[in-house]
Amino acid sequence: MPSWSRRLRAAMTSTFAIPPDIVSDAPRVTCIDARQVVVENVVGLLHVSANEIRLDLGTLHLYLVGRDFEVNLVSGKEVHLMGDIESMEFRRQKGGSK
């Protein structure tokens, strides 16, 4: 990312009191009641089954383990999932896609 873009984002966050994660491309994971997960800024789906889902988040991979997984929405950089979530794990990737 060019340095002018970083400076612009920093200026926006300080001037308008916007949280930095709103204007960044950082992955954002929202989990609701261990049944629903919304993941933003997804690079790609790596694996989908009824018991495991793996997502590429750039320099991280997100591993979800559970039961009865369903992918409800894949839209641009956003994925919506449902199922009985037993665990979530982030693994840093060497030479990630970002």
N, C-alpha and C. Protein backbone atom coordinates (compact mmCIF):
# COMPACT_ATOMS: atom_id res chain seq x y z
N MET A 1 0.85 -1.17 0.00
CA MET A 1 0.00 0.00 0.00
C MET A 1 0.90 1.24 0.00
N PRO A 2 0.63 2.19 -0.87
CA PRO A 2 1.45 3.40 -0.90
C PRO A 2 1.36 4.17 0.41
N SER A 3 2.45 4.88 0.71
CA SER A 3 2.48 5.59 1.98
C SER A 3 1.44 6.70 2.06
N TRP A 4 1.07 7.29 0.92
CA TRP A 4 0.03 8.35 0.96
C TRP A 4 -1.30 7.75 1.40
N SER A 5 -1.56 6.53 1.04
CA SER A 5 -2.80 5.87 1.43
C SER A 5 -2.82 5.62 2.94
N ARG A 6 -1.70 5.19 3.49
CA ARG A 6 -1.60 4.99 4.94
C ARG A 6 -1.78 6.30 5.67
N ARG A 7 -1.15 7.36 5.14
CA ARG A 7 -1.27 8.68 5.80
C ARG A 7 -2.72 9.17 5.75
N LEU A 8 -3.40 8.94 4.62
CA LEU A 8 -4.79 9.37 4.49
C LEU A 8 -5.67 8.62 5.49
N ARG A 9 -5.47 7.31 5.60
CA ARG A 9 -6.25 6.53 6.57
C ARG A 9 -5.98 6.98 7.99
N ALA A 10 -4.73 7.25 8.32
CA ALA A 10 -4.38 7.72 9.66
C ALA A 10 -5.03 9.07 9.93
N ALA A 11 -5.03 9.96 8.94
CA ALA A 11 -5.65 11.27 9.10
C ALA A 11 -7.16 11.14 9.30
N MET A 12 -7.79 10.25 8.55
CA MET A 12 -9.24 10.04 8.69
C MET A 12 -9.59 9.52 10.07
N THR A 13 -8.79 8.58 10.58
CA THR A 13 -9.11 8.02 11.89
C THR A 13 -8.94 9.04 13.00
N SER A 14 -7.92 9.89 12.89
CA SER A 14 -7.72 10.87 13.95
C SER A 14 -8.67 12.06 13.82
N THR A 15 -8.91 12.53 12.60
CA THR A 15 -9.76 13.71 12.39
C THR A 15 -11.22 13.42 12.69
N PHE A 16 -11.72 12.28 12.20
CA PHE A 16 -13.14 11.98 12.33
C PHE A 16 -13.44 10.98 13.45
N ALA A 17 -12.44 10.64 14.25
CA ALA A 17 -12.60 9.69 15.36
C ALA A 17 -13.18 8.37 14.88
N ILE A 18 -12.69 7.91 13.73
CA ILE A 18 -13.12 6.62 13.18
C ILE A 18 -12.14 5.56 13.67
N PRO A 19 -12.65 4.44 14.18
CA PRO A 19 -11.74 3.37 14.61
C PRO A 19 -10.88 2.89 13.43
N PRO A 20 -9.60 2.63 13.64
CA PRO A 20 -8.70 2.23 12.55
C PRO A 20 -9.15 0.99 11.79
N ASP A 21 -9.81 0.05 12.47
CA ASP A 21 -10.22 -1.18 11.78
C ASP A 21 -11.32 -0.94 10.75
N ILE A 22 -12.03 0.17 10.85
CA ILE A 22 -13.09 0.48 9.89
C ILE A 22 -12.49 0.82 8.53
N VAL A 23 -11.39 1.53 8.48
CA VAL A 23 -10.81 1.97 7.21
C VAL A 23 -9.66 1.07 6.75
N SER A 24 -9.33 0.04 7.52
CA SER A 24 -8.25 -0.85 7.10
C SER A 24 -8.81 -2.08 6.43
N ASP A 25 -7.93 -2.85 5.82
CA ASP A 25 -8.33 -4.11 5.18
C ASP A 25 -8.10 -5.29 6.10
N ALA A 26 -8.03 -5.05 7.39
CA ALA A 26 -7.79 -6.12 8.35
C ALA A 26 -9.00 -7.05 8.39
N PRO A 27 -8.76 -8.34 8.53
CA PRO A 27 -9.88 -9.28 8.67
C PRO A 27 -10.68 -8.97 9.93
N ARG A 28 -11.99 -9.11 9.82
CA ARG A 28 -12.86 -8.87 10.96
C ARG A 28 -13.76 -10.10 11.11
N VAL A 29 -13.82 -10.66 12.30
CA VAL A 29 -14.62 -11.86 12.56
C VAL A 29 -15.65 -11.51 13.62
N THR A 30 -16.91 -11.73 13.30
CA THR A 30 -18.01 -11.51 14.23
C THR A 30 -18.67 -12.85 14.50
N CYS A 31 -18.70 -13.26 15.76
CA CYS A 31 -19.31 -14.53 16.14
C CYS A 31 -20.52 -14.24 17.01
N ILE A 32 -21.66 -14.83 16.64
CA ILE A 32 -22.90 -14.59 17.36
C ILE A 32 -23.38 -15.92 17.95
N ASP A 33 -23.34 -16.03 19.27
CA ASP A 33 -23.89 -17.16 20.00
C ASP A 33 -23.31 -18.51 19.57
N ALA A 34 -22.06 -18.56 19.14
CA ALA A 34 -21.39 -19.79 18.72
C ALA A 34 -22.19 -20.56 17.67
N ARG A 35 -23.05 -19.85 16.94
CA ARG A 35 -23.84 -20.47 15.87
C ARG A 35 -23.67 -19.75 14.53
N GLN A 36 -23.34 -18.48 14.57
CA GLN A 36 -23.20 -17.69 13.35
C GLN A 36 -21.85 -17.00 13.36
N VAL A 37 -21.20 -16.98 12.19
CA VAL A 37 -19.94 -16.26 12.05
C VAL A 37 -19.99 -15.46 10.76
N VAL A 38 -19.60 -14.19 10.86
CA VAL A 38 -19.44 -13.33 9.70
C VAL A 38 -17.97 -12.95 9.64
N VAL A 39 -17.33 -13.23 8.50
CA VAL A 39 -15.91 -12.93 8.34
C VAL A 39 -15.78 -11.94 7.18
N GLU A 40 -15.17 -10.80 7.45
CA GLU A 40 -14.97 -9.78 6.42
C GLU A 40 -13.51 -9.75 5.99
N ASN A 41 -13.27 -9.28 4.78
CA ASN A 41 -11.95 -9.19 4.16
C ASN A 41 -11.31 -10.57 3.98
N VAL A 42 -12.12 -11.51 3.50
CA VAL A 42 -11.67 -12.86 3.20
C VAL A 42 -11.02 -12.87 1.83
N VAL A 43 -9.86 -13.52 1.74
CA VAL A 43 -9.18 -13.67 0.45
C VAL A 43 -9.75 -14.86 -0.31
N GLY A 44 -10.07 -15.96 0.41
CA GLY A 44 -10.62 -17.12 -0.26
C GLY A 44 -11.04 -18.21 0.70
N LEU A 45 -11.88 -19.12 0.18
CA LEU A 45 -12.27 -20.33 0.92
C LEU A 45 -11.26 -21.41 0.59
N LEU A 46 -10.66 -22.02 1.60
CA LEU A 46 -9.68 -23.08 1.38
C LEU A 46 -10.28 -24.47 1.50
N HIS A 47 -11.23 -24.63 2.42
CA HIS A 47 -11.85 -25.94 2.64
C HIS A 47 -13.21 -25.73 3.28
N VAL A 48 -14.21 -26.47 2.78
CA VAL A 48 -15.55 -26.41 3.36
C VAL A 48 -16.08 -27.83 3.48
N SER A 49 -16.47 -28.21 4.70
CA SER A 49 -17.15 -29.49 4.94
C SER A 49 -18.15 -29.27 6.07
N ALA A 50 -18.89 -30.29 6.41
CA ALA A 50 -19.89 -30.17 7.48
C ALA A 50 -19.24 -29.96 8.84
N ASN A 51 -17.94 -30.35 8.97
CA ASN A 51 -17.27 -30.28 10.27
C ASN A 51 -16.10 -29.32 10.35
N GLU A 52 -15.66 -28.79 9.22
CA GLU A 52 -14.50 -27.90 9.23
C GLU A 52 -14.58 -26.90 8.07
N ILE A 53 -14.19 -25.67 8.38
CA ILE A 53 -14.08 -24.62 7.36
C ILE A 53 -12.75 -23.92 7.57
N ARG A 54 -12.01 -23.72 6.47
CA ARG A 54 -10.75 -22.98 6.51
C ARG A 54 -10.86 -21.81 5.54
N LEU A 55 -10.51 -20.63 6.04
CA LEU A 55 -10.58 -19.40 5.25
C LEU A 55 -9.20 -18.77 5.15
N ASP A 56 -8.87 -18.25 3.98
CA ASP A 56 -7.62 -17.51 3.77
C ASP A 56 -7.91 -16.05 4.05
N LEU A 57 -7.21 -15.48 5.02
CA LEU A 57 -7.37 -14.07 5.38
C LEU A 57 -6.13 -13.26 5.02
N GLY A 58 -5.35 -13.76 4.09
CA GLY A 58 -4.12 -13.08 3.70
C GLY A 58 -2.94 -13.70 4.41
N THR A 59 -2.45 -13.03 5.43
CA THR A 59 -1.32 -13.57 6.19
C THR A 59 -1.77 -14.53 7.28
N LEU A 60 -3.07 -14.68 7.45
CA LEU A 60 -3.65 -15.61 8.43
C LEU A 60 -4.59 -16.58 7.74
N HIS A 61 -4.72 -17.77 8.32
CA HIS A 61 -5.79 -18.68 7.95
C HIS A 61 -6.67 -18.86 9.18
N LEU A 62 -7.99 -18.87 8.98
CA LEU A 62 -8.94 -19.08 10.05
C LEU A 62 -9.48 -20.50 9.92
N TYR A 63 -9.34 -21.29 10.99
CA TYR A 63 -9.83 -22.66 11.04
C TYR A 63 -11.03 -22.70 11.98
N LEU A 64 -12.17 -23.15 11.48
CA LEU A 64 -13.37 -23.33 12.29
C LEU A 64 -13.68 -24.82 12.35
N VAL A 65 -13.89 -25.34 13.56
CA VAL A 65 -14.23 -26.74 13.73
C VAL A 65 -15.56 -26.80 14.48
N GLY A 66 -16.43 -27.71 14.04
CA GLY A 66 -17.73 -27.85 14.67
C GLY A 66 -18.58 -28.88 13.96
N ARG A 67 -19.89 -28.64 13.93
CA ARG A 67 -20.84 -29.56 13.30
C ARG A 67 -21.87 -28.79 12.49
N ASP A 68 -22.35 -29.44 11.46
CA ASP A 68 -23.48 -28.93 10.66
C ASP A 68 -23.20 -27.56 10.05
N PHE A 69 -21.99 -27.34 9.55
CA PHE A 69 -21.66 -26.05 8.95
C PHE A 69 -22.39 -25.85 7.63
N GLU A 70 -22.81 -24.64 7.41
CA GLU A 70 -23.40 -24.20 6.15
C GLU A 70 -22.81 -22.84 5.82
N VAL A 71 -22.46 -22.64 4.57
CA VAL A 71 -22.03 -21.32 4.10
C VAL A 71 -23.28 -20.66 3.55
N ASN A 72 -23.73 -19.60 4.19
CA ASN A 72 -24.97 -18.92 3.80
C ASN A 72 -24.74 -17.86 2.72
N LEU A 73 -23.56 -17.21 2.75
CA LEU A 73 -23.31 -16.12 1.81
C LEU A 73 -21.83 -16.00 1.55
N VAL A 74 -21.48 -15.88 0.29
CA VAL A 74 -20.13 -15.52 -0.12
C VAL A 74 -20.31 -14.33 -1.04
N SER A 75 -19.83 -13.16 -0.59
CA SER A 75 -20.07 -11.93 -1.34
C SER A 75 -18.81 -11.08 -1.33
N GLY A 76 -18.14 -10.99 -2.46
CA GLY A 76 -16.93 -10.19 -2.53
C GLY A 76 -15.90 -10.69 -1.54
N LYS A 77 -15.69 -9.96 -0.47
CA LYS A 77 -14.71 -10.32 0.55
C LYS A 77 -15.37 -10.73 1.86
N GLU A 78 -16.63 -11.11 1.81
CA GLU A 78 -17.38 -11.43 3.03
C GLU A 78 -17.97 -12.83 2.95
N VAL A 79 -17.91 -13.57 4.08
CA VAL A 79 -18.46 -14.91 4.16
C VAL A 79 -19.32 -15.00 5.42
N HIS A 80 -20.54 -15.55 5.27
CA HIS A 80 -21.44 -15.77 6.40
C HIS A 80 -21.60 -17.28 6.58
N LEU A 81 -21.40 -17.76 7.81
CA LEU A 81 -21.45 -19.19 8.12
C LEU A 81 -22.42 -19.45 9.26
N MET A 82 -23.01 -20.66 9.26
CA MET A 82 -23.83 -21.10 10.38
C MET A 82 -23.44 -22.53 10.73
N GLY A 83 -23.61 -22.90 11.99
CA GLY A 83 -23.33 -24.24 12.47
C GLY A 83 -23.00 -24.21 13.95
N ASP A 84 -22.74 -25.38 14.50
CA ASP A 84 -22.35 -25.48 15.91
C ASP A 84 -20.83 -25.34 15.98
N ILE A 85 -20.35 -24.18 16.38
CA ILE A 85 -18.92 -23.89 16.40
C ILE A 85 -18.31 -24.39 17.71
N GLU A 86 -17.33 -25.26 17.59
CA GLU A 86 -16.63 -25.79 18.76
C GLU A 86 -15.31 -25.06 19.00
N SER A 87 -14.63 -24.67 17.91
CA SER A 87 -13.37 -23.94 18.09
C SER A 87 -13.07 -23.09 16.87
N MET A 88 -12.34 -22.00 17.14
CA MET A 88 -11.82 -21.11 16.09
C MET A 88 -10.34 -20.94 16.36
N GLU A 89 -9.54 -21.03 15.30
CA GLU A 89 -8.10 -20.90 15.46
C GLU A 89 -7.53 -20.09 14.30
N PHE A 90 -6.66 -19.14 14.64
CA PHE A 90 -5.94 -18.37 13.63
C PHE A 90 -4.53 -18.91 13.52
N ARG A 91 -4.08 -19.13 12.30
CA ARG A 91 -2.71 -19.57 12.08
C ARG A 91 -2.04 -18.61 11.12
N ARG A 92 -0.90 -18.07 11.56
CA ARG A 92 -0.15 -17.14 10.72
C ARG A 92 0.52 -17.92 9.60
N GLN A 93 0.46 -17.38 8.38
CA GLN A 93 1.02 -18.05 7.21
C GLN A 93 2.33 -17.39 6.81
N LYS A 94 3.32 -18.20 6.54
CA LYS A 94 4.57 -17.68 6.03
C LYS A 94 4.37 -17.34 4.58
N GLY A 95 4.72 -16.10 4.19
CA GLY A 95 4.56 -15.68 2.79
C GLY A 95 3.10 -15.68 2.37
N GLY A 96 2.22 -15.14 3.24
CA GLY A 96 0.79 -15.10 2.95
C GLY A 96 0.49 -14.35 1.68
N SER A 97 -0.76 -14.39 1.25
CA SER A 97 -1.14 -13.80 -0.03
C SER A 97 -1.24 -12.29 -0.01
N LYS A 98 -1.03 -11.64 1.14
CA LYS A 98 -1.03 -10.18 1.19
C LYS A 98 0.35 -9.68 1.45
